[in-house]
PDB file of N, CA and C in Angstrom:
ATOM      1  N   UNK A   1      21.511 -43.657   4.415  1.00  0.00           N
ATOM      2  CA  UNK A   1      22.079 -43.726   5.752  1.00  0.00           C
ATOM      3  C   UNK A   1      23.478 -44.324   5.676  1.00  0.00           C
ATOM      4  N   UNK A   2      24.312 -43.928   6.613  1.00  0.00           N
ATOM      5  CA  UNK A   2      25.667 -44.444   6.700  1.00  0.00           C
ATOM      6  C   UNK A   2      25.777 -45.242   7.982  1.00  0.00           C
ATOM      7  N   UNK A   3      25.393 -46.518   7.926  1.00  0.00           N
ATOM      8  CA  UNK A   3      25.405 -47.366   9.111  1.00  0.00           C
ATOM      9  C   UNK A   3      24.671 -46.709  10.281  1.00  0.00           C
ATOM     10  N   UNK A   4      23.507 -46.142  10.002  1.00  0.00           N
ATOM     11  CA  UNK A   4      22.704 -45.568  11.071  1.00  0.00           C
ATOM     12  C   UNK A   4      22.898 -44.087  11.287  1.00  0.00           C
ATOM     13  N   UNK A   5      23.821 -43.436  10.583  1.00  0.00           N
ATOM     14  CA  UNK A   5      24.034 -42.005  10.742  1.00  0.00           C
ATOM     15  C   UNK A   5      23.883 -41.336   9.384  1.00  0.00           C
ATOM     16  N   UNK A   6      23.022 -40.357   9.317  1.00  0.00           N
ATOM     17  CA  UNK A   6      22.694 -39.662   8.075  1.00  0.00           C
ATOM     18  C   UNK A   6      23.892 -38.838   7.579  1.00  0.00           C
ATOM     19  N   UNK A   7      24.334 -39.034   6.341  1.00  0.00           N
ATOM     20  CA  UNK A   7      25.465 -38.267   5.811  1.00  0.00           C
ATOM     21  C   UNK A   7      25.224 -36.755   5.839  1.00  0.00           C
ATOM     22  N   UNK A   8      23.979 -36.326   5.680  1.00  0.00           N
ATOM     23  CA  UNK A   8      23.675 -34.891   5.740  1.00  0.00           C
ATOM     24  C   UNK A   8      23.929 -34.349   7.146  1.00  0.00           C
ATOM     25  N   UNK A   9      23.637 -35.161   8.155  1.00  0.00           N
ATOM     26  CA  UNK A   9      23.907 -34.753   9.535  1.00  0.00           C
ATOM     27  C   UNK A   9      25.409 -34.669   9.770  1.00  0.00           C
ATOM     28  N   UNK A  10      26.144 -35.654   9.305  1.00  0.00           N
ATOM     29  CA  UNK A  10      27.599 -35.652   9.467  1.00  0.00           C
ATOM     30  C   UNK A  10      28.192 -34.387   8.856  1.00  0.00           C
ATOM     31  N   UNK A  11      27.706 -34.004   7.694  1.00  0.00           N
ATOM     32  CA  UNK A  11      28.226 -32.819   6.999  1.00  0.00           C
ATOM     33  C   UNK A  11      27.988 -31.539   7.791  1.00  0.00           C
ATOM     34  N   UNK A  12      26.966 -31.517   8.633  1.00  0.00           N
ATOM     35  CA  UNK A  12      26.640 -30.311   9.403  1.00  0.00           C
ATOM     36  C   UNK A  12      27.353 -30.245  10.748  1.00  0.00           C
ATOM     37  N   UNK A  13      27.873 -31.376  11.208  1.00  0.00           N
ATOM     38  CA  UNK A  13      28.503 -31.419  12.525  1.00  0.00           C
ATOM     39  C   UNK A  13      29.949 -30.938  12.458  1.00  0.00           C
ATOM     40  N   UNK A  14      30.417 -30.383  13.575  1.00  0.00           N
ATOM     41  CA  UNK A  14      31.804 -29.939  13.689  1.00  0.00           C
ATOM     42  C   UNK A  14      32.329 -30.341  15.050  1.00  0.00           C
ATOM     43  N   UNK A  15      33.632 -30.476  15.126  1.00  0.00           N
ATOM     44  CA  UNK A  15      34.290 -30.802  16.387  1.00  0.00           C
ATOM     45  C   UNK A  15      34.024 -29.675  17.386  1.00  0.00           C
ATOM     46  N   UNK A  16      33.602 -30.003  18.595  1.00  0.00           N
ATOM     47  CA  UNK A  16      33.334 -28.962  19.589  1.00  0.00           C
ATOM     48  C   UNK A  16      34.607 -28.282  20.104  1.00  0.00           C
ATOM     49  N   UNK A  17      35.754 -28.862  19.848  1.00  0.00           N
ATOM     50  CA  UNK A  17      37.023 -28.278  20.310  1.00  0.00           C
ATOM     51  C   UNK A  17      37.617 -27.361  19.248  1.00  0.00           C
ATOM     52  N   UNK A  18      37.718 -27.873  18.012  1.00  0.00           N
ATOM     53  CA  UNK A  18      38.422 -27.156  16.944  1.00  0.00           C
ATOM     54  C   UNK A  18      37.498 -26.523  15.906  1.00  0.00           C
ATOM     55  N   UNK A  19      36.241 -26.889  15.930  1.00  0.00           N
ATOM     56  CA  UNK A  19      35.247 -26.426  14.943  1.00  0.00           C
ATOM     57  C   UNK A  19      35.583 -26.866  13.520  1.00  0.00           C
ATOM     58  N   UNK A  20      36.318 -27.966  13.397  1.00  0.00           N
ATOM     59  CA  UNK A  20      36.646 -28.530  12.095  1.00  0.00           C
ATOM     60  C   UNK A  20      35.695 -29.685  11.786  1.00  0.00           C
ATOM     61  N   UNK A  21      35.599 -30.081  10.517  1.00  0.00           N
ATOM     62  CA  UNK A  21      34.701 -31.195  10.153  1.00  0.00           C
ATOM     63  C   UNK A  21      35.100 -32.499  10.841  1.00  0.00           C
ATOM     64  N   UNK A  22      34.114 -33.357  10.987  1.00  0.00           N
ATOM     65  CA  UNK A  22      34.317 -34.676  11.591  1.00  0.00           C
ATOM     66  C   UNK A  22      34.259 -35.746  10.518  1.00  0.00           C
ATOM     67  N   UNK A  23      34.997 -36.822  10.716  1.00  0.00           N
ATOM     68  CA  UNK A  23      35.002 -37.956   9.797  1.00  0.00           C
ATOM     69  C   UNK A  23      34.277 -39.112  10.481  1.00  0.00           C
ATOM     70  N   UNK A  24      33.408 -39.781   9.740  1.00  0.00           N
ATOM     71  CA  UNK A  24      32.653 -40.923  10.262  1.00  0.00           C
ATOM     72  C   UNK A  24      33.501 -42.177  10.166  1.00  0.00           C
ATOM     73  N   UNK A  25      33.659 -42.872  11.271  1.00  0.00           N
ATOM     74  CA  UNK A  25      34.339 -44.166  11.317  1.00  0.00           C
ATOM     75  C   UNK A  25      33.256 -45.216  11.566  1.00  0.00           C
ATOM     76  N   UNK A  26      32.789 -45.847  10.496  1.00  0.00           N
ATOM     77  CA  UNK A  26      31.682 -46.799  10.590  1.00  0.00           C
ATOM     78  C   UNK A  26      32.072 -48.038  11.388  1.00  0.00           C
ATOM     79  N   UNK A  27      33.319 -48.457  11.292  1.00  0.00           N
ATOM     80  CA  UNK A  27      33.775 -49.659  11.991  1.00  0.00           C
ATOM     81  C   UNK A  27      33.640 -49.509  13.511  1.00  0.00           C
ATOM     82  N   UNK A  28      33.929 -48.321  13.998  1.00  0.00           N
ATOM     83  CA  UNK A  28      33.864 -48.079  15.445  1.00  0.00           C
ATOM     84  C   UNK A  28      32.642 -47.272  15.872  1.00  0.00           C
ATOM     85  N   UNK A  29      31.827 -46.859  14.918  1.00  0.00           N
ATOM     86  CA  UNK A  29      30.654 -46.019  15.189  1.00  0.00           C
ATOM     87  C   UNK A  29      31.046 -44.767  15.967  1.00  0.00           C
ATOM     88  N   UNK A  30      32.010 -44.047  15.403  1.00  0.00           N
ATOM     89  CA  UNK A  30      32.511 -42.830  16.027  1.00  0.00           C
ATOM     90  C   UNK A  30      32.645 -41.716  15.000  1.00  0.00           C
ATOM     91  N   UNK A  31      32.571 -40.491  15.491  1.00  0.00           N
ATOM     92  CA  UNK A  31      32.899 -39.327  14.688  1.00  0.00           C
ATOM     93  C   UNK A  31      34.286 -38.881  15.127  1.00  0.00           C
ATOM     94  N   UNK A  32      35.190 -38.786  14.171  1.00  0.00           N
ATOM     95  CA  UNK A  32      36.593 -38.534  14.473  1.00  0.00           C
ATOM     96  C   UNK A  32      36.979 -37.116  14.097  1.00  0.00           C
ATOM     97  N   UNK A  33      37.644 -36.449  15.025  1.00  0.00           N
ATOM     98  CA  UNK A  33      38.239 -35.140  14.771  1.00  0.00           C
ATOM     99  C   UNK A  33      39.738 -35.344  14.674  1.00  0.00           C
ATOM    100  N   UNK A  34      40.242 -35.322  13.458  1.00  0.00           N
ATOM    101  CA  UNK A  34      41.687 -35.477  13.251  1.00  0.00           C
ATOM    102  C   UNK A  34      42.428 -34.309  13.891  1.00  0.00           C
ATOM    103  N   UNK A  35      41.879 -33.105  13.785  1.00  0.00           N
ATOM    104  CA  UNK A  35      42.536 -31.905  14.306  1.00  0.00           C
ATOM    105  C   UNK A  35      42.694 -31.947  15.823  1.00  0.00           C
ATOM    106  N   UNK A  36      41.696 -32.451  16.516  1.00  0.00           N
ATOM    107  CA  UNK A  36      41.740 -32.506  17.981  1.00  0.00           C
ATOM    108  C   UNK A  36      42.315 -33.816  18.498  1.00  0.00           C
ATOM    109  N   UNK A  37      42.401 -34.819  17.630  1.00  0.00           N
ATOM    110  CA  UNK A  37      42.883 -36.122  18.070  1.00  0.00           C
ATOM    111  C   UNK A  37      41.885 -36.817  18.978  1.00  0.00           C
ATOM    112  N   UNK A  38      40.589 -36.617  18.682  1.00  0.00           N
ATOM    113  CA  UNK A  38      39.525 -37.189  19.507  1.00  0.00           C
ATOM    114  C   UNK A  38      38.535 -37.955  18.650  1.00  0.00           C
ATOM    115  N   UNK A  39      37.928 -38.973  19.240  1.00  0.00           N
ATOM    116  CA  UNK A  39      36.855 -39.729  18.595  1.00  0.00           C
ATOM    117  C   UNK A  39      35.635 -39.656  19.504  1.00  0.00           C
ATOM    118  N   UNK A  40      34.539 -39.169  18.943  1.00  0.00           N
ATOM    119  CA  UNK A  40      33.304 -38.996  19.695  1.00  0.00           C
ATOM    120  C   UNK A  40      32.360 -40.166  19.411  1.00  0.00           C
ATOM    121  N   UNK A  41      31.783 -40.754  20.442  1.00  0.00           N
ATOM    122  CA  UNK A  41      30.905 -41.904  20.235  1.00  0.00           C
ATOM    123  C   UNK A  41      29.558 -41.496  19.639  1.00  0.00           C
ATOM    124  N   UNK A  42      28.930 -42.469  19.005  1.00  0.00           N
ATOM    125  CA  UNK A  42      27.552 -42.313  18.535  1.00  0.00           C
ATOM    126  C   UNK A  42      26.765 -43.400  19.230  1.00  0.00           C
ATOM    127  N   UNK A  43      25.809 -42.996  20.059  1.00  0.00           N
ATOM    128  CA  UNK A  43      25.024 -43.949  20.841  1.00  0.00           C
ATOM    129  C   UNK A  43      23.565 -43.899  20.404  1.00  0.00           C
ATOM    130  N   UNK A  44      23.043 -45.033  20.005  1.00  0.00           N
ATOM    131  CA  UNK A  44      21.660 -45.137  19.539  1.00  0.00           C
ATOM    132  C   UNK A  44      21.380 -44.127  18.426  1.00  0.00           C
ATOM    133  N   UNK A  45      22.363 -43.918  17.558  1.00  0.00           N
ATOM    134  CA  UNK A  45      22.203 -43.013  16.427  1.00  0.00           C
ATOM    135  C   UNK A  45      22.365 -41.547  16.760  1.00  0.00           C
ATOM    136  N   UNK A  46      22.769 -41.235  17.998  1.00  0.00           N
ATOM    137  CA  UNK A  46      22.913 -39.841  18.431  1.00  0.00           C
ATOM    138  C   UNK A  46      24.386 -39.543  18.693  1.00  0.00           C
ATOM    139  N   UNK A  47      24.965 -38.570  17.973  1.00  0.00           N
ATOM    140  CA  UNK A  47      26.351 -38.196  18.232  1.00  0.00           C
ATOM    141  C   UNK A  47      26.490 -37.560  19.616  1.00  0.00           C
ATOM    142  N   UNK A  48      27.475 -38.022  20.362  1.00  0.00           N
ATOM    143  CA  UNK A  48      27.749 -37.479  21.694  1.00  0.00           C
ATOM    144  C   UNK A  48      29.006 -36.613  21.570  1.00  0.00           C
ATOM    145  N   UNK A  49      28.796 -35.320  21.340  1.00  0.00           N
ATOM    146  CA  UNK A  49      29.915 -34.411  21.107  1.00  0.00           C
ATOM    147  C   UNK A  49      30.308 -33.694  22.396  1.00  0.00           C
ATOM    148  N   UNK A  50      30.583 -34.490  23.404  1.00  0.00           N
ATOM    149  CA  UNK A  50      31.003 -34.004  24.714  1.00  0.00           C
ATOM    150  C   UNK A  50      32.453 -34.445  24.899  1.00  0.00           C
ATOM    151  N   UNK A  51      33.337 -33.493  25.152  1.00  0.00           N
ATOM    152  CA  UNK A  51      34.764 -33.799  25.209  1.00  0.00           C
ATOM    153  C   UNK A  51      35.077 -34.884  26.233  1.00  0.00           C
ATOM    154  N   UNK A  52      34.458 -34.842  27.390  1.00  0.00           N
ATOM    155  CA  UNK A  52      34.779 -35.849  28.410  1.00  0.00           C
ATOM    156  C   UNK A  52      34.312 -37.251  28.020  1.00  0.00           C
ATOM    157  N   UNK A  53      33.419 -37.370  27.031  1.00  0.00           N
ATOM    158  CA  UNK A  53      32.961 -38.673  26.526  1.00  0.00           C
ATOM    159  C   UNK A  53      33.830 -39.177  25.367  1.00  0.00           C
ATOM    160  N   UNK A  54      34.655 -38.318  24.811  1.00  0.00           N
ATOM    161  CA  UNK A  54      35.497 -38.685  23.664  1.00  0.00           C
ATOM    162  C   UNK A  54      36.704 -39.489  24.129  1.00  0.00           C
ATOM    163  N   UNK A  55      37.240 -40.252  23.192  1.00  0.00           N
ATOM    164  CA  UNK A  55      38.480 -40.964  23.497  1.00  0.00           C
ATOM    165  C   UNK A  55      39.587 -40.356  22.660  1.00  0.00           C
ATOM    166  N   UNK A  56      40.763 -40.301  23.239  1.00  0.00           N
ATOM    167  CA  UNK A  56      41.919 -39.781  22.526  1.00  0.00           C
ATOM    168  C   UNK A  56      42.338 -40.811  21.475  1.00  0.00           C
ATOM    169  N   UNK A  57      42.695 -40.320  20.319  1.00  0.00           N
ATOM    170  CA  UNK A  57      43.172 -41.209  19.249  1.00  0.00           C
ATOM    171  C   UNK A  57      44.616 -40.875  18.956  1.00  0.00           C
ATOM    172  N   UNK A  58      45.312 -41.877  18.524  1.00  0.00           N
ATOM    173  CA  UNK A  58      46.658 -41.680  18.011  1.00  0.00           C
ATOM    174  C   UNK A  58      46.554 -41.904  16.525  1.00  0.00           C
ATOM    175  N   UNK A  59      47.571 -41.642  15.805  1.00  0.00           N
ATOM    176  CA  UNK A  59      47.526 -41.791  14.351  1.00  0.00           C
ATOM    177  C   UNK A  59      47.114 -43.200  13.981  1.00  0.00           C
ATOM    178  N   UNK A  60      45.832 -43.378  13.772  1.00  0.00           N
ATOM    179  CA  UNK A  60      45.264 -44.700  13.455  1.00  0.00           C
ATOM    180  C   UNK A  60      45.082 -44.872  11.982  1.00  0.00           C
TER     181      UNK A  60
END
């Protein structure tokens, strides 16, 4: 497990906007889409891949 999120699951997930791979940010418990500039929350171990729930990221 990767801080509560299975690496195999992360490998299968894609950004709902760009369909590109997501990067796990363990510090913030988010899945990050560099291509879309969005970070999707993970709540209770469940990725929330809903655009309106994502936060915009800047080059962090």
